[in-house]
């Protein structure tokens, strides 16, 4: 059973790193919204193409904004924090019980 425990621990670490990287990409997207970046820059396009599907779905459910302030990145942060706290911690705990 220890192999399954190590597998779950590895999955938890990978999920944690992916969520952390996505959170930093959303932060970069928020910072880029304050300036006027070149839309043809490959880094700007990557950040936009990576975050837009998630932010667009949140904007569909919450169509309001306060004076031009987009609240969807804040909701993404809260969801990422929840996923990191609940799912990743649960996977780590489950993997420890299997070791």
C-alpha atoms as a PDB file:
ATOM      1  CA  UNK A   1       0.000   0.000   0.000  1.00  0.00           C
ATOM      2  CA  UNK A   2       2.957   2.332   0.400  1.00  0.00           C
ATOM      3  CA  UNK A   3       3.171   2.695  -3.393  1.00  0.00           C
ATOM      4  CA  UNK A   4      -0.342   4.146  -3.483  1.00  0.00           C
ATOM      5  CA  UNK A   5       0.602   6.462  -0.614  1.00  0.00           C
ATOM      6  CA  UNK A   6       3.619   7.771  -2.503  1.00  0.00           C
ATOM      7  CA  UNK A   7       1.533   8.136  -5.658  1.00  0.00           C
ATOM      8  CA  UNK A   8      -1.057  10.219  -3.804  1.00  0.00           C
ATOM      9  CA  UNK A   9       1.705  12.325  -2.249  1.00  0.00           C
ATOM     10  CA  UNK A  10       3.194  12.990  -5.686  1.00  0.00           C
ATOM     11  CA  UNK A  11      -0.214  13.893  -7.119  1.00  0.00           C
ATOM     12  CA  UNK A  12      -0.817  16.278  -4.212  1.00  0.00           C
ATOM     13  CA  UNK A  13       2.537  17.987  -4.769  1.00  0.00           C
ATOM     14  CA  UNK A  14       1.933  18.355  -8.509  1.00  0.00           C
ATOM     15  CA  UNK A  15      -1.574  19.753  -7.969  1.00  0.00           C
ATOM     16  CA  UNK A  16      -0.211  22.174  -5.381  1.00  0.00           C
ATOM     17  CA  UNK A  17       2.524  23.425  -7.726  1.00  0.00           C
ATOM     18  CA  UNK A  18       0.102  23.786 -10.656  1.00  0.00           C
ATOM     19  CA  UNK A  19      -2.346  25.780  -8.540  1.00  0.00           C
ATOM     20  CA  UNK A  20       0.456  27.983  -7.213  1.00  0.00           C
ATOM     21  CA  UNK A  21       1.767  28.672 -10.736  1.00  0.00           C
ATOM     22  CA  UNK A  22      -1.724  29.497 -11.958  1.00  0.00           C
ATOM     23  CA  UNK A  23      -2.184  31.898  -9.066  1.00  0.00           C
ATOM     24  CA  UNK A  24       1.016  33.723 -10.068  1.00  0.00           C
ATOM     25  CA  UNK A  25      -0.161  33.873 -13.679  1.00  0.00           C
ATOM     26  CA  UNK A  26      -3.438  35.455 -12.518  1.00  0.00           C
ATOM     27  CA  UNK A  27      -1.415  37.978 -10.495  1.00  0.00           C
ATOM     28  CA  UNK A  28       0.612  38.791 -13.614  1.00  0.00           C
ATOM     29  CA  UNK A  29      -2.642  39.227 -15.537  1.00  0.00           C
ATOM     30  CA  UNK A  30      -3.934  41.663 -12.923  1.00  0.00           C
ATOM     31  CA  UNK A  31      -0.698  43.668 -13.022  1.00  0.00           C
ATOM     32  CA  UNK A  32      -0.780  43.742 -16.824  1.00  0.00           C
ATOM     33  CA  UNK A  33      -4.302  45.155 -16.717  1.00  0.00           C
ATOM     34  CA  UNK A  34      -2.934  48.278 -14.991  1.00  0.00           C
ATOM     35  CA  UNK A  35      -0.604  49.085 -17.889  1.00  0.00           C
ATOM     36  CA  UNK A  36      -1.054  49.036 -21.642  1.00  0.00           C
ATOM     37  CA  UNK A  37       1.106  46.091 -22.790  1.00  0.00           C
ATOM     38  CA  UNK A  38       1.796  45.150 -26.374  1.00  0.00           C
ATOM     39  CA  UNK A  39      -0.954  42.619 -27.244  1.00  0.00           C
ATOM     40  CA  UNK A  40       1.349  40.873 -29.735  1.00  0.00           C
ATOM     41  CA  UNK A  41       4.020  40.122 -27.150  1.00  0.00           C
ATOM     42  CA  UNK A  42       4.212  36.314 -26.740  1.00  0.00           C
ATOM     43  CA  UNK A  43       4.361  36.507 -22.942  1.00  0.00           C
ATOM     44  CA  UNK A  44       1.305  38.758 -22.776  1.00  0.00           C
ATOM     45  CA  UNK A  45      -0.556  36.478 -25.177  1.00  0.00           C
ATOM     46  CA  UNK A  46       0.371  33.404 -23.106  1.00  0.00           C
ATOM     47  CA  UNK A  47      -0.855  35.029 -19.892  1.00  0.00           C
ATOM     48  CA  UNK A  48      -4.070  36.162 -21.561  1.00  0.00           C
ATOM     49  CA  UNK A  49      -4.752  32.813 -23.249  1.00  0.00           C
ATOM     50  CA  UNK A  50      -4.050  30.906 -20.043  1.00  0.00           C
ATOM     51  CA  UNK A  51      -6.240  32.943 -17.722  1.00  0.00           C
ATOM     52  CA  UNK A  52      -9.070  34.102 -19.962  1.00  0.00           C
ATOM     53  CA  UNK A  53     -11.079  30.824 -20.048  1.00  0.00           C
ATOM     54  CA  UNK A  54     -11.279  30.718 -16.257  1.00  0.00           C
ATOM     55  CA  UNK A  55     -11.893  34.434 -15.780  1.00  0.00           C
ATOM     56  CA  UNK A  56     -14.511  34.488 -18.554  1.00  0.00           C
ATOM     57  CA  UNK A  57     -16.553  31.735 -16.897  1.00  0.00           C
ATOM     58  CA  UNK A  58     -16.473  33.581 -13.593  1.00  0.00           C
ATOM     59  CA  UNK A  59     -17.522  36.808 -15.325  1.00  0.00           C
ATOM     60  CA  UNK A  60     -20.524  34.957 -16.771  1.00  0.00           C
ATOM     61  CA  UNK A  61     -21.728  33.941 -13.301  1.00  0.00           C
ATOM     62  CA  UNK A  62     -20.938  37.307 -11.696  1.00  0.00           C
ATOM     63  CA  UNK A  63     -21.756  39.886 -14.363  1.00  0.00           C
ATOM     64  CA  UNK A  64     -21.344  42.947 -12.169  1.00  0.00           C
ATOM     65  CA  UNK A  65     -18.242  44.997 -11.539  1.00  0.00           C
ATOM     66  CA  UNK A  66     -17.710  47.907  -9.230  1.00  0.00           C
ATOM     67  CA  UNK A  67     -16.763  51.011 -11.188  1.00  0.00           C
ATOM     68  CA  UNK A  68     -14.701  49.152 -13.762  1.00  0.00           C
ATOM     69  CA  UNK A  69     -12.944  46.931 -11.199  1.00  0.00           C
ATOM     70  CA  UNK A  70     -12.912  43.301 -12.266  1.00  0.00           C
ATOM     71  CA  UNK A  71     -13.554  41.018  -9.298  1.00  0.00           C
ATOM     72  CA  UNK A  72     -12.969  37.739 -11.129  1.00  0.00           C
ATOM     73  CA  UNK A  73      -9.245  37.473 -10.189  1.00  0.00           C
ATOM     74  CA  UNK A  74     -10.184  37.795  -6.513  1.00  0.00           C
ATOM     75  CA  UNK A  75     -12.695  34.970  -6.887  1.00  0.00           C
ATOM     76  CA  UNK A  76     -10.039  32.872  -8.649  1.00  0.00           C
ATOM     77  CA  UNK A  77      -7.664  33.504  -5.707  1.00  0.00           C
ATOM     78  CA  UNK A  78     -10.310  32.369  -3.243  1.00  0.00           C
ATOM     79  CA  UNK A  79     -11.020  29.215  -5.257  1.00  0.00           C
ATOM     80  CA  UNK A  80      -7.302  28.413  -5.531  1.00  0.00           C
ATOM     81  CA  UNK A  81      -6.805  28.925  -1.797  1.00  0.00           C
ATOM     82  CA  UNK A  82      -9.778  26.644  -1.115  1.00  0.00           C
ATOM     83  CA  UNK A  83      -8.456  23.959  -3.471  1.00  0.00           C
ATOM     84  CA  UNK A  84      -4.959  24.146  -1.992  1.00  0.00           C
ATOM     85  CA  UNK A  85      -6.301  23.986   1.549  1.00  0.00           C
ATOM     86  CA  UNK A  86      -8.940  21.313   1.065  1.00  0.00           C
ATOM     87  CA  UNK A  87      -7.900  19.021  -1.780  1.00  0.00           C
ATOM     88  CA  UNK A  88      -4.122  19.148  -1.489  1.00  0.00           C
ATOM     89  CA  UNK A  89      -4.180  18.824   2.294  1.00  0.00           C
ATOM     90  CA  UNK A  90      -6.660  15.950   2.054  1.00  0.00           C
ATOM     91  CA  UNK A  91      -4.456  14.133  -0.448  1.00  0.00           C
ATOM     92  CA  UNK A  92      -1.402  14.615   1.762  1.00  0.00           C
ATOM     93  CA  UNK A  93      -3.308  13.332   4.795  1.00  0.00           C
ATOM     94  CA  UNK A  94      -4.606  10.331   2.866  1.00  0.00           C
ATOM     95  CA  UNK A  95      -1.141   9.512   1.569  1.00  0.00           C
ATOM     96  CA  UNK A  96       0.273   9.650   5.121  1.00  0.00           C
ATOM     97  CA  UNK A  97      -2.302   7.144   6.330  1.00  0.00           C
ATOM     98  CA  UNK A  98      -1.344   4.753   3.519  1.00  0.00           C
ATOM     99  CA  UNK A  99       2.389   4.847   4.291  1.00  0.00           C
END
